[in-house]
């Protein structure tokens, strides 16, 4: 079983346009990704306060230097 990041494989296919699905399905995936981004912000704050090393790894993975 693969690890899911912010987007699932299905989300990636829908958002990128690779999947031939109605726009409603594409918007559904976009909405789920937005919800996960909100959760990621909360997770980042928890890591920043409680595990700075992991927070730094996350920051490096998602932020352009």
Protein backbone atom coordinates (compact mmCIF):
# COMPACT_ATOMS: atom_id res chain seq x y z
CA UNK A 1 0.00 0.00 0.00
CA UNK A 2 1.41 3.36 -1.03
CA UNK A 3 1.72 6.42 1.14
CA UNK A 4 -0.71 9.22 0.36
CA UNK A 5 0.57 12.77 0.36
CA UNK A 6 -1.68 15.74 -0.27
CA UNK A 7 -3.02 14.14 -3.45
CA UNK A 8 -3.99 10.56 -4.13
CA UNK A 9 -3.18 8.98 -7.48
CA UNK A 10 -6.79 9.63 -8.51
CA UNK A 11 -6.56 13.27 -7.42
CA UNK A 12 -3.35 13.70 -9.43
CA UNK A 13 -4.96 12.24 -12.54
CA UNK A 14 -8.08 14.38 -12.18
CA UNK A 15 -6.32 17.65 -11.34
CA UNK A 16 -3.73 17.21 -14.11
CA UNK A 17 -6.42 16.41 -16.67
CA UNK A 18 -5.05 12.92 -17.33
CA UNK A 19 -8.32 11.34 -16.19
CA UNK A 20 -11.28 11.63 -18.53
CA UNK A 21 -13.84 12.61 -15.92
CA UNK A 22 -16.58 15.21 -15.68
CA UNK A 23 -15.60 18.62 -14.31
CA UNK A 24 -17.57 17.84 -11.15
CA UNK A 25 -15.14 15.02 -10.33
CA UNK A 26 -12.16 17.28 -11.00
CA UNK A 27 -13.62 19.96 -8.67
CA UNK A 28 -14.30 17.28 -6.06
CA UNK A 29 -10.61 16.34 -6.08
CA UNK A 30 -9.57 19.99 -5.89
CA UNK A 31 -11.83 20.47 -2.87
CA UNK A 32 -10.31 17.43 -1.11
CA UNK A 33 -6.81 18.74 -1.77
CA UNK A 34 -7.74 22.13 -0.29
CA UNK A 35 -9.02 20.40 2.86
CA UNK A 36 -5.76 18.46 3.13
CA UNK A 37 -3.74 21.66 2.77
CA UNK A 38 -5.68 23.12 5.69
CA UNK A 39 -4.88 20.00 7.72
CA UNK A 40 -1.24 20.24 6.67
CA UNK A 41 -1.05 23.76 8.09
CA UNK A 42 -2.26 22.43 11.45
CA UNK A 43 0.17 19.52 11.31
CA UNK A 44 3.04 21.88 10.50
CA UNK A 45 2.28 24.00 13.55
CA UNK A 46 2.24 20.90 15.77
CA UNK A 47 5.55 19.73 14.33
CA UNK A 48 7.09 23.18 14.69
CA UNK A 49 6.23 23.25 18.38
CA UNK A 50 6.89 19.61 19.25
CA UNK A 51 9.35 18.16 16.75
CA UNK A 52 11.40 20.91 15.06
CA UNK A 53 13.52 18.44 13.08
CA UNK A 54 10.47 16.95 11.35
CA UNK A 55 9.06 20.43 10.82
CA UNK A 56 12.29 21.41 9.08
CA UNK A 57 12.10 18.32 6.83
CA UNK A 58 8.53 19.23 5.90
CA UNK A 59 9.44 22.84 5.23
CA UNK A 60 12.35 21.83 3.00
CA UNK A 61 10.12 19.41 1.09
CA UNK A 62 7.41 21.96 0.29
CA UNK A 63 9.13 25.35 0.24
CA UNK A 64 11.25 26.75 -2.56
CA UNK A 65 14.58 28.00 -1.36
